[in-house]
C-alpha cells in the first residue's frame, strides 16, 4: 500500500469517526480528535484521550503535554511531522476524567485500524490506559516502562504520559527520553543492515 493509499484510507476512517455516536462521549464533545501526523510513520504514539485544547482544536496533544512531547522528540532526533499520534478514545471525557471501559471498547476499532494502516515499527504507549489496552496487562506504567515488548509484528515501548512528567519533573522527563531512545533503537533494528524486516512474536491486537 502506498503512502497516498494509507492517507486516503485514514481520511475515510476519520470521516466515519467524526459521526460516531457509539458511546456517551458524543454527547459532550466539541469535536472528534481522530489523529495527526505521518501516515507512513515508523513511530506511533498512543495516549489516553483528548483534553480541553484537543477537543477545541480537533488535534491530539496540542496543549502543554503536546508541547513537552514535541520537545522530547527533538531530544531524540525526531520531529512531530515524522510520527503519528492518536488516543485510545477519540472524544474528550467530561472534566478530563478517565475513559470508562465501555467507551474504550466502543472506540478501539478505530485505533486498531489506524495501527494497521500506518504499520509503525514501534508504538509508544503514553501512560497506563494505552499500555494496558495493547499489552493486556494490569501492571502499572512505572514497572512496564524501560522495555520493548514484541507485539503484532512490531514492538510496544511503554512510557509515562507527558502530563505525569509535567507534574513530577526532571526525573520522569529523563526516563521518557530514555524510552524514546529505546523506540528509536527498535526502529533501527527492525530493518537491520540487510533491509529485511524482522518479525517479532505475533499476538492479538486488542483484548
N, C-alpha and C. Protein backbone atom coordinates (compact mmCIF):
# COMPACT_ATOMS: atom_id res chain seq x y z
N UNK A 1 0.84 -1.19 0.00
CA UNK A 1 0.00 0.00 0.00
C UNK A 1 0.88 1.25 0.00
N UNK A 2 0.62 2.20 -0.89
CA UNK A 2 1.40 3.42 -0.94
C UNK A 2 1.00 4.36 0.18
N UNK A 3 1.86 5.35 0.44
CA UNK A 3 1.53 6.33 1.47
C UNK A 3 0.27 7.10 1.11
N UNK A 4 0.07 7.33 -0.19
CA UNK A 4 -1.15 8.02 -0.62
C UNK A 4 -2.38 7.18 -0.32
N UNK A 5 -2.28 5.86 -0.53
CA UNK A 5 -3.40 4.97 -0.22
C UNK A 5 -3.69 4.97 1.28
N UNK A 6 -2.63 4.92 2.08
CA UNK A 6 -2.81 4.92 3.52
C UNK A 6 -3.48 6.20 3.99
N UNK A 7 -2.99 7.33 3.47
CA UNK A 7 -3.56 8.62 3.87
C UNK A 7 -5.02 8.71 3.47
N UNK A 8 -5.36 8.21 2.29
CA UNK A 8 -6.74 8.26 1.82
C UNK A 8 -7.64 7.40 2.70
N UNK A 9 -7.18 6.22 3.07
CA UNK A 9 -7.98 5.34 3.91
C UNK A 9 -8.13 5.89 5.32
N UNK A 10 -7.09 6.57 5.80
CA UNK A 10 -7.20 7.23 7.10
C UNK A 10 -8.23 8.36 7.06
N UNK A 11 -8.29 9.09 5.96
CA UNK A 11 -9.28 10.17 5.84
C UNK A 11 -10.69 9.61 5.85
N UNK A 12 -10.89 8.48 5.18
CA UNK A 12 -12.21 7.84 5.17
C UNK A 12 -12.58 7.41 6.59
N UNK A 13 -11.62 6.82 7.29
CA UNK A 13 -11.86 6.37 8.66
C UNK A 13 -12.14 7.55 9.58
N UNK A 14 -11.42 8.65 9.38
CA UNK A 14 -11.65 9.85 10.19
C UNK A 14 -13.05 10.41 9.96
N UNK A 15 -13.49 10.41 8.73
CA UNK A 15 -14.84 10.89 8.43
C UNK A 15 -15.88 10.02 9.13
N UNK A 16 -15.66 8.72 9.13
CA UNK A 16 -16.57 7.81 9.82
C UNK A 16 -16.58 8.09 11.32
N UNK A 17 -15.39 8.28 11.89
CA UNK A 17 -15.28 8.54 13.32
C UNK A 17 -15.94 9.86 13.71
N UNK A 18 -15.88 10.83 12.82
CA UNK A 18 -16.43 12.16 13.14
C UNK A 18 -17.93 12.13 13.36
N UNK A 19 -18.59 11.09 12.86
CA UNK A 19 -20.04 10.97 13.04
C UNK A 19 -20.41 9.91 14.08
N UNK A 20 -19.42 9.40 14.80
CA UNK A 20 -19.65 8.29 15.72
C UNK A 20 -20.52 8.71 16.91
N UNK A 21 -21.50 7.87 17.22
CA UNK A 21 -22.35 8.07 18.40
C UNK A 21 -22.43 6.77 19.20
N UNK A 22 -21.34 6.01 19.19
CA UNK A 22 -21.35 4.68 19.79
C UNK A 22 -21.25 4.68 21.31
N UNK A 23 -20.88 5.80 21.91
CA UNK A 23 -20.84 5.87 23.38
C UNK A 23 -21.28 7.25 23.83
N UNK A 24 -21.38 7.41 25.14
CA UNK A 24 -21.89 8.65 25.73
C UNK A 24 -21.01 9.86 25.47
N UNK A 25 -19.75 9.67 25.10
CA UNK A 25 -18.86 10.81 24.92
C UNK A 25 -19.28 11.71 23.78
N UNK A 26 -20.07 11.18 22.84
CA UNK A 26 -20.53 12.03 21.74
C UNK A 26 -21.45 13.13 22.22
N UNK A 27 -22.03 12.98 23.40
CA UNK A 27 -23.00 13.95 23.91
C UNK A 27 -22.33 15.21 24.43
N UNK A 28 -21.05 15.12 24.78
CA UNK A 28 -20.39 16.26 25.42
C UNK A 28 -19.17 16.77 24.65
N UNK A 29 -18.78 16.08 23.58
CA UNK A 29 -17.59 16.51 22.85
C UNK A 29 -17.87 17.77 22.04
N UNK A 30 -16.80 18.52 21.75
CA UNK A 30 -16.87 19.59 20.77
C UNK A 30 -16.57 19.04 19.38
N UNK A 31 -15.53 18.21 19.31
CA UNK A 31 -15.16 17.59 18.05
C UNK A 31 -14.48 16.25 18.31
N UNK A 32 -14.49 15.40 17.32
CA UNK A 32 -13.76 14.13 17.40
C UNK A 32 -12.28 14.41 17.11
N UNK A 33 -11.41 13.90 17.95
CA UNK A 33 -9.96 14.08 17.79
C UNK A 33 -9.40 12.75 17.29
N UNK A 34 -9.30 12.62 15.99
CA UNK A 34 -9.00 11.32 15.39
C UNK A 34 -7.53 10.95 15.48
N UNK A 35 -6.66 11.80 14.97
CA UNK A 35 -5.22 11.52 14.96
C UNK A 35 -4.51 12.58 14.14
N UNK A 36 -3.19 12.55 14.19
CA UNK A 36 -2.44 13.59 13.49
C UNK A 36 -1.03 13.07 13.19
N UNK A 37 -0.55 13.35 11.97
CA UNK A 37 0.82 13.03 11.67
C UNK A 37 1.03 12.32 10.36
N UNK A 38 2.16 11.65 10.27
CA UNK A 38 2.63 10.99 9.06
C UNK A 38 1.94 9.64 8.89
N UNK A 39 1.23 9.46 7.79
CA UNK A 39 0.52 8.20 7.54
C UNK A 39 1.47 7.05 7.28
N UNK A 40 2.75 7.32 7.06
CA UNK A 40 3.74 6.28 6.80
C UNK A 40 4.81 6.27 7.90
N UNK A 41 4.41 6.65 9.11
CA UNK A 41 5.37 6.81 10.20
C UNK A 41 5.92 5.48 10.68
N UNK A 42 7.19 5.47 11.04
CA UNK A 42 7.79 4.31 11.69
C UNK A 42 7.46 4.28 13.18
N UNK A 43 7.12 5.45 13.74
CA UNK A 43 6.86 5.57 15.17
C UNK A 43 5.47 6.17 15.38
N UNK A 44 4.67 5.49 16.20
CA UNK A 44 3.32 5.94 16.52
C UNK A 44 3.18 6.09 18.02
N UNK A 45 2.52 7.16 18.45
CA UNK A 45 2.24 7.40 19.87
C UNK A 45 0.75 7.21 20.12
N UNK A 46 0.44 6.59 21.24
CA UNK A 46 -0.96 6.41 21.62
C UNK A 46 -1.15 6.90 23.06
N UNK A 47 -1.97 7.93 23.20
CA UNK A 47 -2.29 8.46 24.52
C UNK A 47 -3.62 7.93 25.02
N UNK A 48 -4.16 8.65 25.97
CA UNK A 48 -5.40 8.22 26.65
C UNK A 48 -6.63 8.78 25.96
N UNK A 49 -6.76 10.10 25.96
CA UNK A 49 -7.92 10.75 25.35
C UNK A 49 -7.68 12.24 25.23
N UNK A 50 -8.47 12.92 24.44
CA UNK A 50 -8.29 14.37 24.27
C UNK A 50 -8.58 15.14 25.55
N UNK A 51 -7.86 16.25 25.72
CA UNK A 51 -8.17 17.21 26.77
C UNK A 51 -8.94 18.39 26.19
N UNK A 52 -9.01 19.45 26.95
CA UNK A 52 -9.79 20.61 26.54
C UNK A 52 -9.28 21.22 25.24
N UNK A 53 -7.96 21.46 25.15
CA UNK A 53 -7.41 22.11 23.96
C UNK A 53 -7.57 21.21 22.73
N UNK A 54 -7.39 19.91 22.92
CA UNK A 54 -7.54 18.97 21.81
C UNK A 54 -8.99 18.93 21.34
N UNK A 55 -9.91 18.94 22.29
CA UNK A 55 -11.34 18.93 21.97
C UNK A 55 -11.73 20.17 21.19
N UNK A 56 -11.13 21.30 21.50
CA UNK A 56 -11.43 22.55 20.81
C UNK A 56 -10.81 22.60 19.41
N UNK A 57 -9.59 22.04 19.26
CA UNK A 57 -8.87 22.17 18.00
C UNK A 57 -8.97 20.94 17.10
N UNK A 58 -9.39 19.81 17.65
CA UNK A 58 -9.53 18.60 16.85
C UNK A 58 -8.22 17.91 16.53
N UNK A 59 -7.15 18.23 17.29
CA UNK A 59 -5.82 17.65 17.05
C UNK A 59 -5.30 17.13 18.38
N UNK A 60 -4.72 15.91 18.42
CA UNK A 60 -4.21 15.38 19.67
C UNK A 60 -2.93 16.06 20.13
N UNK A 61 -2.79 16.17 21.44
CA UNK A 61 -1.55 16.67 22.06
C UNK A 61 -1.15 18.05 21.53
N UNK A 62 -2.03 19.02 21.75
CA UNK A 62 -1.71 20.40 21.37
C UNK A 62 -1.57 21.31 22.58
N UNK A 63 -1.86 20.81 23.77
CA UNK A 63 -1.70 21.59 24.99
C UNK A 63 -0.30 21.47 25.54
N UNK A 64 -0.16 21.66 26.84
CA UNK A 64 1.18 21.60 27.48
C UNK A 64 1.81 20.22 27.31
N UNK A 65 0.99 19.17 27.42
CA UNK A 65 1.53 17.83 27.23
C UNK A 65 2.08 17.65 25.82
N UNK A 66 1.38 18.20 24.85
CA UNK A 66 1.84 18.11 23.47
C UNK A 66 3.11 18.89 23.23
N UNK A 67 3.22 20.05 23.87
CA UNK A 67 4.44 20.84 23.73
C UNK A 67 5.64 20.09 24.30
N UNK A 68 5.42 19.44 25.44
CA UNK A 68 6.51 18.65 26.03
C UNK A 68 6.87 17.47 25.14
N UNK A 69 5.87 16.80 24.58
CA UNK A 69 6.13 15.67 23.70
C UNK A 69 6.97 16.11 22.50
N UNK A 70 6.66 17.25 21.93
CA UNK A 70 7.45 17.76 20.80
C UNK A 70 8.89 18.02 21.21
N UNK A 71 9.09 18.56 22.41
CA UNK A 71 10.44 18.80 22.91
C UNK A 71 11.20 17.50 23.10
N UNK A 72 10.52 16.49 23.63
CA UNK A 72 11.17 15.19 23.84
C UNK A 72 11.54 14.54 22.51
N UNK A 73 10.69 14.69 21.52
CA UNK A 73 11.01 14.16 20.20
C UNK A 73 12.29 14.79 19.65
N UNK A 74 12.41 16.09 19.82
CA UNK A 74 13.62 16.78 19.35
C UNK A 74 14.86 16.25 20.04
N UNK A 75 14.74 15.87 21.29
CA UNK A 75 15.90 15.37 22.03
C UNK A 75 16.40 14.03 21.50
N UNK A 76 15.54 13.28 20.82
CA UNK A 76 15.99 12.00 20.25
C UNK A 76 16.11 12.08 18.73
N UNK A 77 16.16 13.31 18.21
CA UNK A 77 16.42 13.49 16.79
C UNK A 77 15.21 13.35 15.88
N UNK A 78 14.00 13.51 16.42
CA UNK A 78 12.79 13.40 15.62
C UNK A 78 11.99 14.69 15.70
N UNK A 79 11.01 14.81 14.82
CA UNK A 79 10.10 15.94 14.86
C UNK A 79 8.68 15.43 14.75
N UNK A 80 7.74 16.23 15.17
CA UNK A 80 6.34 15.79 15.18
C UNK A 80 5.83 15.38 13.80
N UNK A 81 6.17 16.07 12.71
CA UNK A 81 5.68 15.63 11.40
C UNK A 81 6.16 14.25 10.97
N UNK A 82 7.18 13.70 11.64
CA UNK A 82 7.69 12.38 11.28
C UNK A 82 6.91 11.25 11.92
N UNK A 83 6.12 11.54 12.94
CA UNK A 83 5.45 10.49 13.71
C UNK A 83 3.93 10.62 13.54
N UNK A 84 3.22 9.63 14.07
CA UNK A 84 1.75 9.70 14.08
C UNK A 84 1.29 9.61 15.53
N UNK A 85 0.28 10.42 15.88
CA UNK A 85 -0.19 10.50 17.26
C UNK A 85 -1.70 10.28 17.29
N UNK A 86 -2.14 9.41 18.18
CA UNK A 86 -3.57 9.14 18.35
C UNK A 86 -3.84 8.88 19.83
N UNK A 87 -5.11 8.67 20.16
CA UNK A 87 -5.51 8.34 21.52
C UNK A 87 -6.38 7.09 21.53
N UNK A 88 -6.51 6.51 22.71
CA UNK A 88 -7.38 5.35 22.87
C UNK A 88 -8.82 5.72 22.57
N UNK A 89 -9.30 6.82 23.16
CA UNK A 89 -10.64 7.33 22.83
C UNK A 89 -10.50 8.63 22.07
N UNK A 90 -11.40 8.85 21.15
CA UNK A 90 -11.30 9.98 20.23
C UNK A 90 -12.09 11.21 20.69
N UNK A 91 -12.86 11.07 21.76
CA UNK A 91 -13.65 12.19 22.28
C UNK A 91 -13.24 12.47 23.72
N UNK A 92 -13.29 13.73 24.11
CA UNK A 92 -12.86 14.12 25.45
C UNK A 92 -13.84 13.62 26.51
N UNK A 93 -13.35 12.87 27.49
CA UNK A 93 -14.19 12.54 28.64
C UNK A 93 -14.48 13.81 29.45
N UNK A 94 -15.72 14.01 29.90
CA UNK A 94 -16.06 15.24 30.64
C UNK A 94 -15.13 15.46 31.83
N UNK A 95 -14.64 16.70 31.95
CA UNK A 95 -13.77 17.03 33.07
C UNK A 95 -12.43 16.32 33.04
N UNK A 96 -12.08 15.77 31.87
CA UNK A 96 -10.83 15.01 31.73
C UNK A 96 -10.76 13.79 32.65
N UNK A 97 -11.92 13.23 32.98
CA UNK A 97 -11.93 12.00 33.77
C UNK A 97 -11.34 10.85 32.95
N UNK A 98 -11.06 9.75 33.63
CA UNK A 98 -10.54 8.57 32.94
C UNK A 98 -11.60 7.98 32.01
N UNK A 99 -11.20 7.48 30.85
CA UNK A 99 -12.17 6.79 29.97
C UNK A 99 -12.70 5.54 30.67
N UNK A 100 -13.98 5.27 30.45
CA UNK A 100 -14.59 4.07 31.01
C UNK A 100 -14.44 2.91 30.04
N UNK A 101 -14.59 1.71 30.60
CA UNK A 101 -14.34 0.52 29.78
C UNK A 101 -15.23 0.46 28.56
N UNK A 102 -16.51 0.80 28.70
CA UNK A 102 -17.40 0.72 27.54
C UNK A 102 -17.05 1.77 26.49
N UNK A 103 -16.49 2.90 26.92
CA UNK A 103 -16.05 3.93 25.98
C UNK A 103 -14.81 3.47 25.22
N UNK A 104 -13.90 2.82 25.93
CA UNK A 104 -12.71 2.26 25.27
C UNK A 104 -13.12 1.20 24.27
N UNK A 105 -14.04 0.31 24.67
CA UNK A 105 -14.50 -0.75 23.78
C UNK A 105 -15.17 -0.19 22.53
N UNK A 106 -15.94 0.90 22.70
CA UNK A 106 -16.64 1.49 21.56
C UNK A 106 -15.69 2.13 20.57
N UNK A 107 -14.51 2.53 21.04
CA UNK A 107 -13.59 3.32 20.20
C UNK A 107 -12.39 2.53 19.68
N UNK A 108 -12.10 1.39 20.28
CA UNK A 108 -10.83 0.73 19.98
C UNK A 108 -10.74 0.21 18.54
N UNK A 109 -11.88 0.02 17.88
CA UNK A 109 -11.83 -0.40 16.49
C UNK A 109 -11.17 0.64 15.59
N UNK A 110 -11.40 1.92 15.89
CA UNK A 110 -10.75 2.98 15.12
C UNK A 110 -9.24 2.95 15.33
N UNK A 111 -8.83 2.76 16.58
CA UNK A 111 -7.40 2.71 16.88
C UNK A 111 -6.74 1.51 16.20
N UNK A 112 -7.43 0.37 16.22
CA UNK A 112 -6.88 -0.82 15.58
C UNK A 112 -6.64 -0.58 14.09
N UNK A 113 -7.59 0.08 13.44
CA UNK A 113 -7.43 0.37 12.01
C UNK A 113 -6.32 1.36 11.76
N UNK A 114 -6.17 2.35 12.64
CA UNK A 114 -5.07 3.30 12.50
C UNK A 114 -3.72 2.58 12.56
N UNK A 115 -3.58 1.68 13.52
CA UNK A 115 -2.32 0.96 13.66
C UNK A 115 -2.05 0.10 12.44
N UNK A 116 -3.07 -0.60 11.95
CA UNK A 116 -2.90 -1.47 10.80
C UNK A 116 -2.53 -0.67 9.54
N UNK A 117 -3.16 0.48 9.36
CA UNK A 117 -2.89 1.29 8.17
C UNK A 117 -1.51 1.92 8.21
N UNK A 118 -1.14 2.48 9.34
CA UNK A 118 0.15 3.16 9.45
C UNK A 118 1.29 2.15 9.52
N UNK A 119 1.04 1.03 10.17
CA UNK A 119 2.00 -0.07 10.27
C UNK A 119 3.36 0.41 10.78
N UNK A 120 3.40 1.02 11.98
CA UNK A 120 4.68 1.52 12.51
C UNK A 120 5.56 0.38 12.98
N UNK A 121 6.84 0.62 13.02
CA UNK A 121 7.78 -0.35 13.57
C UNK A 121 7.68 -0.40 15.09
N UNK A 122 7.40 0.76 15.70
CA UNK A 122 7.30 0.85 17.15
C UNK A 122 6.10 1.70 17.53
N UNK A 123 5.43 1.29 18.58
CA UNK A 123 4.32 2.05 19.15
C UNK A 123 4.71 2.44 20.57
N UNK A 124 4.71 3.73 20.85
CA UNK A 124 4.97 4.22 22.20
C UNK A 124 3.63 4.50 22.87
N UNK A 125 3.34 3.76 23.93
CA UNK A 125 2.12 3.99 24.68
C UNK A 125 2.39 4.98 25.80
N UNK A 126 1.58 6.01 25.86
CA UNK A 126 1.78 7.11 26.81
C UNK A 126 0.85 6.93 28.00
N UNK A 127 1.37 6.34 29.06
CA UNK A 127 0.58 6.17 30.27
C UNK A 127 -0.09 4.81 30.39
N UNK A 128 -0.89 4.67 31.44
CA UNK A 128 -1.46 3.38 31.79
C UNK A 128 -2.52 2.87 30.83
N UNK A 129 -3.39 3.74 30.37
CA UNK A 129 -4.55 3.26 29.62
C UNK A 129 -4.16 2.59 28.31
N UNK A 130 -3.34 3.25 27.53
CA UNK A 130 -2.95 2.66 26.25
C UNK A 130 -2.03 1.46 26.46
N UNK A 131 -1.19 1.50 27.48
CA UNK A 131 -0.30 0.38 27.75
C UNK A 131 -1.10 -0.86 28.14
N UNK A 132 -2.06 -0.70 29.02
CA UNK A 132 -2.88 -1.84 29.47
C UNK A 132 -3.73 -2.39 28.34
N UNK A 133 -4.22 -1.53 27.46
CA UNK A 133 -5.05 -1.99 26.35
C UNK A 133 -4.24 -2.81 25.37
N UNK A 134 -3.09 -2.32 24.96
CA UNK A 134 -2.31 -3.01 23.94
C UNK A 134 -1.64 -4.26 24.47
N UNK A 135 -1.12 -4.19 25.68
CA UNK A 135 -0.33 -5.31 26.20
C UNK A 135 -1.12 -6.25 27.10
N UNK A 136 -2.41 -5.98 27.26
CA UNK A 136 -3.28 -6.87 28.05
C UNK A 136 -2.70 -7.12 29.43
N UNK A 137 -2.41 -6.05 30.13
CA UNK A 137 -1.78 -6.14 31.44
C UNK A 137 -2.48 -5.23 32.43
N UNK A 138 -2.36 -5.54 33.70
CA UNK A 138 -2.81 -4.66 34.76
C UNK A 138 -1.62 -4.06 35.52
N UNK A 139 -0.42 -4.34 35.05
CA UNK A 139 0.78 -3.80 35.68
C UNK A 139 0.91 -2.32 35.35
N UNK A 140 1.26 -1.52 36.34
CA UNK A 140 1.35 -0.08 36.16
C UNK A 140 2.52 0.34 35.29
N UNK A 141 2.44 1.57 34.79
CA UNK A 141 3.40 2.07 33.82
C UNK A 141 4.81 2.18 34.42
N UNK A 142 4.93 2.42 35.71
CA UNK A 142 6.25 2.55 36.32
C UNK A 142 7.05 1.27 36.17
N UNK A 143 6.37 0.13 36.28
CA UNK A 143 7.05 -1.15 36.13
C UNK A 143 7.15 -1.59 34.67
N UNK A 144 6.25 -1.13 33.83
CA UNK A 144 6.25 -1.57 32.43
C UNK A 144 7.25 -0.82 31.57
N UNK A 145 7.54 0.42 31.92
CA UNK A 145 8.38 1.25 31.06
C UNK A 145 9.83 0.72 31.08
N UNK A 146 10.60 1.19 30.10
CA UNK A 146 12.01 0.80 30.04
C UNK A 146 12.29 -0.44 29.24
N UNK A 147 11.25 -1.03 28.63
CA UNK A 147 11.41 -2.23 27.84
C UNK A 147 10.63 -2.10 26.53
N UNK A 148 11.03 -2.90 25.54
CA UNK A 148 10.30 -3.01 24.27
C UNK A 148 9.66 -4.39 24.22
N UNK A 149 8.35 -4.43 24.04
CA UNK A 149 7.60 -5.68 24.08
C UNK A 149 7.19 -6.10 22.67
N UNK A 150 7.54 -7.32 22.23
CA UNK A 150 7.07 -7.80 20.92
C UNK A 150 5.55 -7.81 20.88
N UNK A 151 5.00 -7.30 19.79
CA UNK A 151 3.55 -7.12 19.73
C UNK A 151 3.09 -6.99 18.27
N UNK A 152 2.41 -8.01 17.77
CA UNK A 152 1.74 -7.94 16.47
C UNK A 152 2.66 -7.44 15.35
N UNK A 153 3.77 -8.15 15.14
CA UNK A 153 4.75 -7.84 14.09
C UNK A 153 5.47 -6.51 14.31
N UNK A 154 5.44 -6.01 15.51
CA UNK A 154 6.15 -4.76 15.84
C UNK A 154 6.47 -4.78 17.32
N UNK A 155 6.87 -3.65 17.90
CA UNK A 155 7.16 -3.58 19.33
C UNK A 155 6.40 -2.42 19.96
N UNK A 156 6.00 -2.63 21.20
CA UNK A 156 5.40 -1.58 22.03
C UNK A 156 6.42 -1.15 23.07
N UNK A 157 6.61 0.17 23.18
CA UNK A 157 7.52 0.75 24.17
C UNK A 157 6.68 1.64 25.09
N UNK A 158 6.34 1.17 26.27
CA UNK A 158 5.55 2.00 27.18
C UNK A 158 6.39 3.10 27.83
N UNK A 159 5.76 4.24 28.04
CA UNK A 159 6.40 5.31 28.80
C UNK A 159 5.33 6.11 29.52
N UNK A 160 5.77 7.05 30.31
CA UNK A 160 4.83 7.88 31.05
C UNK A 160 4.05 8.80 30.11
N UNK A 161 2.88 9.22 30.55
CA UNK A 161 2.16 10.27 29.84
C UNK A 161 2.88 11.59 30.10
N UNK A 162 2.98 12.46 29.10
CA UNK A 162 3.65 13.75 29.34
C UNK A 162 3.06 14.54 30.50
N UNK A 163 1.77 14.37 30.77
CA UNK A 163 1.17 15.06 31.91
C UNK A 163 1.83 14.65 33.23
N UNK A 164 2.24 13.38 33.32
CA UNK A 164 2.93 12.92 34.52
C UNK A 164 4.29 13.58 34.65
N UNK A 165 4.97 13.79 33.52
CA UNK A 165 6.27 14.47 33.55
C UNK A 165 6.10 15.93 33.97
N UNK A 166 5.02 16.56 33.53
CA UNK A 166 4.77 17.95 33.92
C UNK A 166 4.52 18.06 35.41
N UNK A 167 3.90 17.02 35.97
CA UNK A 167 3.62 17.03 37.41
C UNK A 167 4.85 16.68 38.23
N UNK A 168 5.67 15.77 37.75
CA UNK A 168 6.71 15.15 38.57
C UNK A 168 8.13 15.60 38.25
N UNK A 169 8.32 16.32 37.14
CA UNK A 169 9.59 16.98 36.94
C UNK A 169 10.68 16.22 36.21
N UNK A 170 11.93 16.65 36.39
CA UNK A 170 13.05 16.20 35.56
C UNK A 170 13.29 14.70 35.53
N UNK A 171 13.10 13.99 36.65
CA UNK A 171 13.38 12.55 36.66
C UNK A 171 12.49 11.82 35.66
N UNK A 172 11.20 12.14 35.66
CA UNK A 172 10.28 11.47 34.74
C UNK A 172 10.59 11.88 33.29
N UNK A 173 10.95 13.13 33.08
CA UNK A 173 11.30 13.58 31.74
C UNK A 173 12.49 12.79 31.20
N UNK A 174 13.51 12.60 32.02
CA UNK A 174 14.69 11.86 31.57
C UNK A 174 14.35 10.39 31.31
N UNK A 175 13.46 9.82 32.09
CA UNK A 175 13.05 8.44 31.84
C UNK A 175 12.27 8.34 30.53
N UNK A 176 11.46 9.36 30.23
CA UNK A 176 10.76 9.38 28.95
C UNK A 176 11.74 9.49 27.78
N UNK A 177 12.76 10.29 27.93
CA UNK A 177 13.78 10.41 26.88
C UNK A 177 14.43 9.05 26.65
N UNK A 178 14.77 8.34 27.72
CA UNK A 178 15.38 7.02 27.59
C UNK A 178 14.45 6.06 26.87
N UNK A 179 13.14 6.14 27.15
CA UNK A 179 12.18 5.27 26.48
C UNK A 179 12.07 5.60 25.00
N UNK A 180 12.09 6.88 24.67
CA UNK A 180 12.03 7.27 23.26
C UNK A 180 13.30 6.84 22.53
N UNK A 181 14.44 6.92 23.19
CA UNK A 181 15.68 6.43 22.58
C UNK A 181 15.58 4.93 22.31
N UNK A 182 14.96 4.20 23.22
CA UNK A 182 14.75 2.77 23.02
C UNK A 182 13.86 2.52 21.81
N UNK A 183 12.80 3.33 21.66
CA UNK A 183 11.92 3.17 20.50
C UNK A 183 12.67 3.43 19.19
N UNK A 184 13.55 4.42 19.20
CA UNK A 184 14.36 4.71 18.01
C UNK A 184 15.26 3.52 17.70
N UNK A 185 15.84 2.91 18.71
CA UNK A 185 16.68 1.73 18.50
C UNK A 185 15.88 0.58 17.92
N UNK A 186 14.66 0.40 18.39
CA UNK A 186 13.79 -0.65 17.86
C UNK A 186 13.55 -0.45 16.37
N UNK A 187 13.28 0.80 15.99
CA UNK A 187 13.04 1.11 14.57
C UNK A 187 14.29 0.81 13.75
N UNK A 188 15.45 1.20 14.25
CA UNK A 188 16.69 0.97 13.52
C UNK A 188 16.99 -0.52 13.37
N UNK A 189 16.64 -1.29 14.39
CA UNK A 189 16.92 -2.73 14.37
C UNK A 189 15.90 -3.50 13.55
N UNK A 190 14.73 -2.92 13.32
CA UNK A 190 13.69 -3.65 12.63
C UNK A 190 14.11 -4.05 11.22
N UNK A 191 14.74 -3.13 10.51
CA UNK A 191 15.18 -3.43 9.16
C UNK A 191 16.58 -4.02 9.15
N UNK A 192 17.43 -3.57 10.05
CA UNK A 192 18.78 -4.12 10.11
C UNK A 192 19.61 -3.74 8.90
N UNK A 193 20.81 -4.20 8.90
CA UNK A 193 21.73 -3.85 7.82
C UNK A 193 21.30 -4.41 6.48
N UNK A 194 20.59 -5.54 6.49
CA UNK A 194 20.20 -6.17 5.23
C UNK A 194 18.94 -5.60 4.63
N UNK A 195 18.24 -4.76 5.43
CA UNK A 195 16.97 -4.23 4.95
C UNK A 195 15.81 -5.18 5.12
N UNK A 196 16.05 -6.36 5.72
CA UNK A 196 14.99 -7.32 5.94
C UNK A 196 14.23 -6.98 7.21
N UNK A 197 12.91 -6.96 7.13
CA UNK A 197 12.10 -6.64 8.30
C UNK A 197 12.02 -7.86 9.21
N UNK A 198 12.39 -7.68 10.48
CA UNK A 198 12.28 -8.77 11.43
C UNK A 198 10.83 -8.97 11.82
N UNK A 199 10.49 -10.17 12.30
CA UNK A 199 9.13 -10.49 12.65
C UNK A 199 9.06 -10.94 14.10
N UNK A 200 8.81 -10.03 15.04
CA UNK A 200 8.62 -10.44 16.41
C UNK A 200 7.35 -11.26 16.58
N UNK A 201 7.20 -11.83 17.76
CA UNK A 201 6.05 -12.68 18.06
C UNK A 201 4.73 -12.00 17.71
N UNK A 202 3.83 -12.73 17.09
CA UNK A 202 2.53 -12.19 16.73
C UNK A 202 1.50 -12.59 17.79
N UNK A 203 0.84 -11.59 18.36
CA UNK A 203 -0.22 -11.85 19.32
C UNK A 203 -1.41 -10.98 18.96
N UNK A 204 -2.53 -11.19 19.64
CA UNK A 204 -3.74 -10.46 19.31
C UNK A 204 -3.59 -8.96 19.47
N UNK A 205 -4.29 -8.21 18.65
CA UNK A 205 -4.15 -6.76 18.67
C UNK A 205 -4.70 -6.16 19.95
N UNK A 206 -5.93 -6.48 20.28
CA UNK A 206 -6.56 -5.97 21.50
C UNK A 206 -7.27 -7.09 22.21
N UNK A 207 -7.50 -6.96 23.54
CA UNK A 207 -8.28 -7.96 24.25
C UNK A 207 -9.75 -7.87 23.85
